[in-house]
Amino acid sequence: MGIETRVVVVSPDSAVTPDQVKSKILATLSEDASTSTSTSTSTSGPSPGVEVKETCFGILVEGEAERVRELVEEVRKLDENGIFSKPRGFPIADPRVCRATRRGGPRPGFHQLELESELLPAVRRALDNLTTKHLTTEQGTKTKR
């Protein structure tokens, strides 16, 4: 499928921190590697080349596309309506967006991501309301519209 880089953004009102998201991914990768080495002779583990980088708003995850999506779905379980992801246009440490090679300043797209991050609490409330209405409807109670 190819390599994919995803931005995982944690809503500002979430009880989960970017560090916890990163730790969950690293723990999952570690568990997978230990399971793999105990059941096979492979030394590289099931997900060689998965890179995780913590940022102020969340994390960046890069690796084989299917594996990256599995990891993102796993961390979303920590706060289903408060952790979001989207594809990133550039690989981790790409010199075109690296502040060190551009001599400082915000990276391209930072201000857009900052704005999106500020809107996430409203998105969470909407998703929470949809989930509540859906559960209420499934239980046979009528919901107000």
N, C-alpha and C. Protein backbone atom coordinates (compact mmCIF):
# COMPACT_ATOMS: atom_id res chain seq x y z
N MET A 1 0.81 -1.20 0.00
CA MET A 1 0.00 0.00 0.00
C MET A 1 0.85 1.26 0.00
N GLY A 2 2.04 1.20 0.56
CA GLY A 2 2.89 2.37 0.58
C GLY A 2 3.03 2.98 1.96
N ILE A 3 3.86 3.99 2.03
CA ILE A 3 4.12 4.68 3.28
C ILE A 3 3.12 5.82 3.45
N GLU A 4 2.64 5.98 4.66
CA GLU A 4 1.70 7.07 4.96
C GLU A 4 2.14 7.76 6.24
N THR A 5 1.98 9.07 6.26
CA THR A 5 2.22 9.86 7.46
C THR A 5 0.89 10.44 7.89
N ARG A 6 0.51 10.23 9.15
CA ARG A 6 -0.75 10.76 9.66
C ARG A 6 -0.47 11.69 10.84
N VAL A 7 -1.29 12.73 10.91
CA VAL A 7 -1.28 13.65 12.04
C VAL A 7 -2.40 13.18 12.96
N VAL A 8 -2.07 12.92 14.21
CA VAL A 8 -3.07 12.55 15.21
C VAL A 8 -3.19 13.73 16.16
N VAL A 9 -4.36 14.36 16.17
CA VAL A 9 -4.58 15.58 16.96
C VAL A 9 -5.47 15.24 18.14
N VAL A 10 -5.06 15.69 19.32
CA VAL A 10 -5.83 15.48 20.54
C VAL A 10 -6.60 16.76 20.84
N SER A 11 -7.90 16.63 21.05
CA SER A 11 -8.73 17.79 21.36
C SER A 11 -8.24 18.46 22.64
N PRO A 12 -8.23 19.79 22.68
CA PRO A 12 -7.76 20.50 23.87
C PRO A 12 -8.55 20.17 25.14
N ASP A 13 -9.79 19.72 25.00
CA ASP A 13 -10.59 19.39 26.17
C ASP A 13 -10.52 17.91 26.55
N SER A 14 -9.64 17.17 25.92
CA SER A 14 -9.49 15.75 26.20
C SER A 14 -8.68 15.54 27.48
N ALA A 15 -9.01 14.49 28.19
CA ALA A 15 -8.22 14.10 29.37
C ALA A 15 -6.95 13.37 28.94
N VAL A 16 -6.88 12.98 27.68
CA VAL A 16 -5.72 12.27 27.14
C VAL A 16 -4.72 13.30 26.62
N THR A 17 -3.45 13.06 26.85
CA THR A 17 -2.39 13.96 26.38
C THR A 17 -1.68 13.36 25.17
N PRO A 18 -1.01 14.19 24.38
CA PRO A 18 -0.22 13.65 23.27
C PRO A 18 0.81 12.62 23.74
N ASP A 19 1.38 12.82 24.92
CA ASP A 19 2.35 11.86 25.45
C ASP A 19 1.71 10.50 25.69
N GLN A 20 0.47 10.48 26.19
CA GLN A 20 -0.23 9.22 26.41
C GLN A 20 -0.53 8.52 25.08
N VAL A 21 -0.86 9.30 24.06
CA VAL A 21 -1.11 8.72 22.74
C VAL A 21 0.17 8.09 22.20
N LYS A 22 1.28 8.82 22.30
CA LYS A 22 2.56 8.29 21.85
C LYS A 22 2.93 7.03 22.62
N SER A 23 2.74 7.05 23.93
CA SER A 23 3.07 5.89 24.76
C SER A 23 2.22 4.68 24.38
N LYS A 24 0.95 4.90 24.07
CA LYS A 24 0.06 3.81 23.67
C LYS A 24 0.54 3.18 22.37
N ILE A 25 0.94 4.02 21.41
CA ILE A 25 1.44 3.49 20.14
C ILE A 25 2.73 2.71 20.35
N LEU A 26 3.64 3.27 21.12
CA LEU A 26 4.91 2.59 21.37
C LEU A 26 4.71 1.28 22.13
N ALA A 27 3.78 1.27 23.08
CA ALA A 27 3.47 0.04 23.82
C ALA A 27 2.87 -1.01 22.89
N THR A 28 1.99 -0.58 22.00
CA THR A 28 1.38 -1.51 21.04
C THR A 28 2.44 -2.10 20.12
N LEU A 29 3.34 -1.25 19.63
CA LEU A 29 4.42 -1.74 18.77
C LEU A 29 5.33 -2.70 19.52
N SER A 30 5.61 -2.39 20.78
CA SER A 30 6.46 -3.24 21.60
C SER A 30 5.80 -4.60 21.85
N GLU A 31 4.50 -4.58 22.17
CA GLU A 31 3.76 -5.84 22.38
C GLU A 31 3.77 -6.68 21.11
N ASP A 32 3.53 -6.03 19.97
CA ASP A 32 3.52 -6.75 18.69
C ASP A 32 4.88 -7.37 18.41
N ALA A 33 5.95 -6.63 18.69
CA ALA A 33 7.29 -7.14 18.44
C ALA A 33 7.61 -8.32 19.35
N SER A 34 7.22 -8.24 20.62
CA SER A 34 7.51 -9.35 21.54
C SER A 34 6.68 -10.57 21.19
N THR A 35 5.45 -10.38 20.76
CA THR A 35 4.61 -11.50 20.34
C THR A 35 5.20 -12.14 19.09
N SER A 36 5.67 -11.32 18.18
CA SER A 36 6.23 -11.81 16.93
C SER A 36 7.51 -12.61 17.18
N THR A 37 8.38 -12.12 18.04
CA THR A 37 9.65 -12.81 18.27
C THR A 37 9.46 -14.08 19.08
N SER A 38 8.40 -14.15 19.87
CA SER A 38 8.18 -15.38 20.64
C SER A 38 7.51 -16.46 19.81
N THR A 39 6.88 -16.09 18.69
CA THR A 39 6.18 -17.08 17.87
C THR A 39 6.86 -17.34 16.54
N SER A 40 7.89 -16.56 16.21
CA SER A 40 8.59 -16.78 14.94
C SER A 40 10.07 -16.43 15.11
N THR A 41 10.81 -16.66 14.04
CA THR A 41 12.24 -16.36 14.09
C THR A 41 12.55 -14.97 13.56
N SER A 42 11.54 -14.20 13.21
CA SER A 42 11.75 -12.85 12.70
C SER A 42 12.34 -11.95 13.78
N THR A 43 13.35 -11.17 13.40
CA THR A 43 13.95 -10.25 14.37
C THR A 43 13.50 -8.81 14.16
N SER A 44 12.86 -8.55 13.03
CA SER A 44 12.47 -7.17 12.75
C SER A 44 11.11 -6.82 13.33
N GLY A 45 10.33 -7.79 13.74
CA GLY A 45 9.00 -7.51 14.28
C GLY A 45 8.01 -7.26 13.17
N PRO A 46 6.74 -7.09 13.51
CA PRO A 46 5.70 -6.94 12.51
C PRO A 46 5.63 -5.56 11.88
N SER A 47 6.21 -4.56 12.51
CA SER A 47 6.07 -3.19 12.02
C SER A 47 7.40 -2.45 11.96
N PRO A 48 8.36 -2.99 11.21
CA PRO A 48 9.61 -2.23 11.12
C PRO A 48 9.35 -0.93 10.39
N GLY A 49 10.04 0.11 10.81
CA GLY A 49 9.93 1.37 10.11
C GLY A 49 8.78 2.25 10.52
N VAL A 50 8.07 1.94 11.59
CA VAL A 50 7.03 2.84 12.08
C VAL A 50 7.72 3.90 12.93
N GLU A 51 7.51 5.15 12.56
CA GLU A 51 8.12 6.26 13.29
C GLU A 51 7.03 7.08 13.97
N VAL A 52 7.28 7.47 15.21
CA VAL A 52 6.32 8.24 16.00
C VAL A 52 7.02 9.48 16.53
N LYS A 53 6.39 10.64 16.34
CA LYS A 53 6.97 11.89 16.82
C LYS A 53 5.89 12.67 17.55
N GLU A 54 6.18 13.07 18.79
CA GLU A 54 5.24 13.87 19.57
C GLU A 54 5.39 15.35 19.20
N THR A 55 4.25 16.03 19.10
CA THR A 55 4.24 17.47 18.83
C THR A 55 3.36 18.14 19.89
N CYS A 56 3.25 19.45 19.82
CA CYS A 56 2.46 20.18 20.82
C CYS A 56 0.96 19.89 20.72
N PHE A 57 0.48 19.49 19.58
CA PHE A 57 -0.96 19.28 19.38
C PHE A 57 -1.33 17.81 19.33
N GLY A 58 -0.37 16.93 19.19
CA GLY A 58 -0.64 15.50 19.07
C GLY A 58 0.62 14.77 18.68
N ILE A 59 0.48 13.88 17.71
CA ILE A 59 1.64 13.12 17.26
C ILE A 59 1.61 12.95 15.74
N LEU A 60 2.75 12.59 15.21
CA LEU A 60 2.88 12.19 13.81
C LEU A 60 3.24 10.71 13.82
N VAL A 61 2.60 9.94 12.96
CA VAL A 61 2.88 8.51 12.84
C VAL A 61 3.16 8.23 11.37
N GLU A 62 4.26 7.54 11.12
CA GLU A 62 4.63 7.26 9.73
C GLU A 62 5.06 5.81 9.61
N GLY A 63 4.59 5.18 8.55
CA GLY A 63 4.95 3.79 8.29
C GLY A 63 4.06 3.23 7.20
N GLU A 64 4.03 1.92 7.11
CA GLU A 64 3.18 1.26 6.12
C GLU A 64 1.74 1.66 6.39
N ALA A 65 1.02 2.09 5.35
CA ALA A 65 -0.29 2.73 5.50
C ALA A 65 -1.28 1.91 6.32
N GLU A 66 -1.40 0.64 6.04
CA GLU A 66 -2.37 -0.19 6.77
C GLU A 66 -2.03 -0.26 8.26
N ARG A 67 -0.76 -0.41 8.56
CA ARG A 67 -0.32 -0.50 9.97
C ARG A 67 -0.54 0.82 10.70
N VAL A 68 -0.27 1.93 10.02
CA VAL A 68 -0.48 3.25 10.63
C VAL A 68 -1.95 3.43 10.97
N ARG A 69 -2.83 3.04 10.06
CA ARG A 69 -4.28 3.18 10.32
C ARG A 69 -4.72 2.30 11.48
N GLU A 70 -4.16 1.09 11.58
CA GLU A 70 -4.48 0.21 12.72
C GLU A 70 -4.06 0.87 14.03
N LEU A 71 -2.87 1.45 14.05
CA LEU A 71 -2.38 2.10 15.26
C LEU A 71 -3.26 3.29 15.64
N VAL A 72 -3.67 4.07 14.65
CA VAL A 72 -4.53 5.23 14.91
C VAL A 72 -5.87 4.78 15.48
N GLU A 73 -6.44 3.72 14.92
CA GLU A 73 -7.72 3.21 15.45
C GLU A 73 -7.55 2.73 16.90
N GLU A 74 -6.41 2.15 17.19
CA GLU A 74 -6.15 1.68 18.56
C GLU A 74 -6.07 2.85 19.54
N VAL A 75 -5.38 3.92 19.18
CA VAL A 75 -5.26 5.05 20.12
C VAL A 75 -6.56 5.83 20.22
N ARG A 76 -7.38 5.81 19.18
CA ARG A 76 -8.67 6.52 19.25
C ARG A 76 -9.57 5.90 20.31
N LYS A 77 -9.33 4.65 20.68
CA LYS A 77 -10.11 4.01 21.73
C LYS A 77 -9.89 4.69 23.09
N LEU A 78 -8.77 5.40 23.24
CA LEU A 78 -8.51 6.13 24.49
C LEU A 78 -9.52 7.24 24.71
N ASP A 79 -9.97 7.87 23.62
CA ASP A 79 -10.94 8.98 23.68
C ASP A 79 -11.55 9.09 22.29
N GLU A 80 -12.55 8.26 22.03
CA GLU A 80 -13.09 8.10 20.68
C GLU A 80 -13.52 9.41 20.02
N ASN A 81 -14.13 10.30 20.78
CA ASN A 81 -14.60 11.56 20.20
C ASN A 81 -13.65 12.72 20.45
N GLY A 82 -12.47 12.44 20.97
CA GLY A 82 -11.52 13.51 21.27
C GLY A 82 -10.17 13.36 20.61
N ILE A 83 -9.99 12.28 19.84
CA ILE A 83 -8.73 12.07 19.13
C ILE A 83 -9.08 11.92 17.65
N PHE A 84 -8.43 12.73 16.83
CA PHE A 84 -8.72 12.78 15.40
C PHE A 84 -7.44 12.58 14.62
N SER A 85 -7.57 12.12 13.37
CA SER A 85 -6.37 11.99 12.54
C SER A 85 -6.69 12.38 11.11
N LYS A 86 -5.63 12.75 10.41
CA LYS A 86 -5.74 13.05 8.98
C LYS A 86 -4.39 12.81 8.35
N PRO A 87 -4.37 12.56 7.04
CA PRO A 87 -3.08 12.37 6.36
C PRO A 87 -2.27 13.66 6.37
N ARG A 88 -0.97 13.50 6.44
CA ARG A 88 -0.07 14.65 6.38
C ARG A 88 0.60 14.64 5.01
N GLY A 89 0.75 15.78 4.43
CA GLY A 89 1.30 15.88 3.08
C GLY A 89 2.79 15.64 2.97
N PHE A 90 3.52 15.70 4.07
CA PHE A 90 4.96 15.56 4.04
C PHE A 90 5.40 14.51 5.05
N PRO A 91 6.47 13.75 4.72
CA PRO A 91 7.00 12.80 5.69
C PRO A 91 7.59 13.51 6.91
N ILE A 92 7.76 12.77 7.98
CA ILE A 92 8.42 13.29 9.17
C ILE A 92 9.84 13.70 8.78
N ALA A 93 10.29 14.85 9.27
CA ALA A 93 11.64 15.39 9.04
C ALA A 93 11.90 15.79 7.59
N ASP A 94 10.85 16.02 6.82
CA ASP A 94 11.02 16.49 5.44
C ASP A 94 11.64 17.88 5.47
N PRO A 95 12.73 18.12 4.75
CA PRO A 95 13.40 19.42 4.81
C PRO A 95 12.53 20.59 4.31
N ARG A 96 11.50 20.30 3.53
CA ARG A 96 10.62 21.38 3.04
C ARG A 96 9.79 22.00 4.15
N VAL A 97 9.55 21.25 5.24
CA VAL A 97 8.76 21.79 6.34
C VAL A 97 9.54 21.87 7.65
N CYS A 98 10.79 21.42 7.63
CA CYS A 98 11.62 21.43 8.84
C CYS A 98 12.02 22.87 9.18
N ARG A 99 11.74 23.27 10.39
CA ARG A 99 12.06 24.64 10.81
C ARG A 99 13.56 24.91 10.81
N ALA A 100 14.35 23.90 11.10
CA ALA A 100 15.80 24.09 11.15
C ALA A 100 16.36 24.45 9.77
N THR A 101 15.87 23.78 8.73
CA THR A 101 16.38 24.07 7.38
C THR A 101 15.77 25.33 6.79
N ARG A 102 14.63 25.76 7.35
CA ARG A 102 13.98 26.98 6.86
C ARG A 102 14.33 28.19 7.73
N ARG A 103 15.20 28.00 8.70
CA ARG A 103 15.68 29.07 9.60
C ARG A 103 14.58 29.63 10.49
N GLY A 104 13.79 28.75 11.07
CA GLY A 104 12.80 29.16 12.06
C GLY A 104 11.44 29.49 11.48
N GLY A 105 10.59 30.04 12.35
CA GLY A 105 9.23 30.37 11.95
C GLY A 105 8.32 29.16 12.04
N PRO A 106 7.02 29.39 11.96
CA PRO A 106 6.09 28.26 12.03
C PRO A 106 6.18 27.42 10.75
N ARG A 107 5.93 26.15 10.88
CA ARG A 107 5.97 25.29 9.71
C ARG A 107 4.75 25.57 8.84
N PRO A 108 4.85 25.33 7.53
CA PRO A 108 3.69 25.52 6.67
C PRO A 108 2.52 24.65 7.16
N GLY A 109 1.36 25.24 7.25
CA GLY A 109 0.18 24.51 7.71
C GLY A 109 -0.06 24.59 9.20
N PHE A 110 0.89 25.14 9.96
CA PHE A 110 0.72 25.17 11.41
C PHE A 110 -0.50 25.99 11.82
N HIS A 111 -0.68 27.14 11.21
CA HIS A 111 -1.79 28.01 11.61
C HIS A 111 -3.14 27.36 11.30
N GLN A 112 -3.22 26.62 10.19
CA GLN A 112 -4.45 25.90 9.87
C GLN A 112 -4.71 24.81 10.91
N LEU A 113 -3.68 24.07 11.26
CA LEU A 113 -3.82 23.02 12.25
C LEU A 113 -4.19 23.59 13.61
N GLU A 114 -3.63 24.73 13.94
CA GLU A 114 -3.96 25.40 15.20
C GLU A 114 -5.45 25.78 15.23
N LEU A 115 -5.96 26.31 14.13
CA LEU A 115 -7.38 26.67 14.04
C LEU A 115 -8.26 25.43 14.15
N GLU A 116 -7.90 24.38 13.42
CA GLU A 116 -8.67 23.14 13.48
C GLU A 116 -8.69 22.58 14.90
N SER A 117 -7.56 22.64 15.57
CA SER A 117 -7.47 22.14 16.94
C SER A 117 -8.41 22.89 17.88
N GLU A 118 -8.53 24.20 17.69
CA GLU A 118 -9.42 25.00 18.54
C GLU A 118 -10.89 24.63 18.33
N LEU A 119 -11.23 24.10 17.16
CA LEU A 119 -12.61 23.72 16.85
C LEU A 119 -12.98 22.33 17.35
N LEU A 120 -12.00 21.54 17.74
CA LEU A 120 -12.26 20.15 18.11
C LEU A 120 -13.20 19.97 19.31
N PRO A 121 -13.19 20.84 20.33
CA PRO A 121 -14.17 20.67 21.40
C PRO A 121 -15.62 20.75 20.89
N ALA A 122 -15.89 21.61 19.91
CA ALA A 122 -17.24 21.70 19.33
C ALA A 122 -17.56 20.43 18.54
N VAL A 123 -16.58 19.90 17.83
CA VAL A 123 -16.78 18.66 17.08
C VAL A 123 -17.06 17.52 18.07
N ARG A 124 -16.33 17.51 19.18
CA ARG A 124 -16.55 16.47 20.20
C ARG A 124 -17.98 16.54 20.73
N ARG A 125 -18.45 17.74 21.06
CA ARG A 125 -19.82 17.87 21.59
C ARG A 125 -20.84 17.35 20.58
N ALA A 126 -20.64 17.68 19.30
CA ALA A 126 -21.56 17.20 18.27
C ALA A 126 -21.53 15.67 18.17
N LEU A 127 -20.34 15.10 18.19
CA LEU A 127 -20.23 13.64 18.14
C LEU A 127 -20.83 12.99 19.38
N ASP A 128 -20.60 13.58 20.55
CA ASP A 128 -21.20 13.06 21.78
C ASP A 128 -22.72 13.09 21.69
N ASN A 129 -23.28 14.19 21.16
CA ASN A 129 -24.73 14.28 21.01
C ASN A 129 -25.26 13.23 20.05
N LEU A 130 -24.56 13.01 18.94
CA LEU A 130 -24.98 11.98 17.98
C LEU A 130 -24.93 10.60 18.61
N THR A 131 -23.87 10.32 19.35
CA THR A 131 -23.73 9.03 20.01
C THR A 131 -24.84 8.83 21.02
N THR A 132 -25.14 9.85 21.81
CA THR A 132 -26.20 9.77 22.81
C THR A 132 -27.55 9.53 22.14
N LYS A 133 -27.84 10.26 21.08
CA LYS A 133 -29.11 10.09 20.37
C LYS A 133 -29.20 8.70 19.76
N HIS A 134 -28.10 8.22 19.19
CA HIS A 134 -28.08 6.90 18.57
C HIS A 134 -28.34 5.82 19.62
N LEU A 135 -27.68 5.91 20.76
CA LEU A 135 -27.89 4.92 21.82
C LEU A 135 -29.31 4.97 22.35
N THR A 136 -29.85 6.17 22.50
CA THR A 136 -31.22 6.32 22.99
C THR A 136 -32.19 5.71 22.00
N THR A 137 -31.98 5.92 20.71
CA THR A 137 -32.85 5.37 19.68
C THR A 137 -32.76 3.85 19.67
N GLU A 138 -31.57 3.30 19.83
CA GLU A 138 -31.40 1.85 19.85
C GLU A 138 -32.12 1.22 21.03
N GLN A 139 -32.22 1.94 22.14
CA GLN A 139 -32.88 1.41 23.34
C GLN A 139 -34.39 1.52 23.25
N GLY A 140 -34.89 2.08 22.15
CA GLY A 140 -36.33 2.15 21.95
C GLY A 140 -36.98 3.42 22.45
N THR A 141 -36.21 4.37 22.92
CA THR A 141 -36.76 5.63 23.40
C THR A 141 -36.72 6.63 22.26
N LYS A 142 -37.79 7.39 22.10
CA LYS A 142 -37.80 8.40 21.04
C LYS A 142 -36.94 9.58 21.45
N THR A 143 -36.26 10.14 20.45
CA THR A 143 -35.42 11.31 20.72
C THR A 143 -36.06 12.54 20.12
N LYS A 144 -35.78 13.67 20.73
CA LYS A 144 -36.29 14.94 20.23
C LYS A 144 -35.43 15.40 19.06
N ARG A 145 -36.07 16.03 18.09
CA ARG A 145 -35.32 16.57 16.96
C ARG A 145 -35.50 18.03 16.87
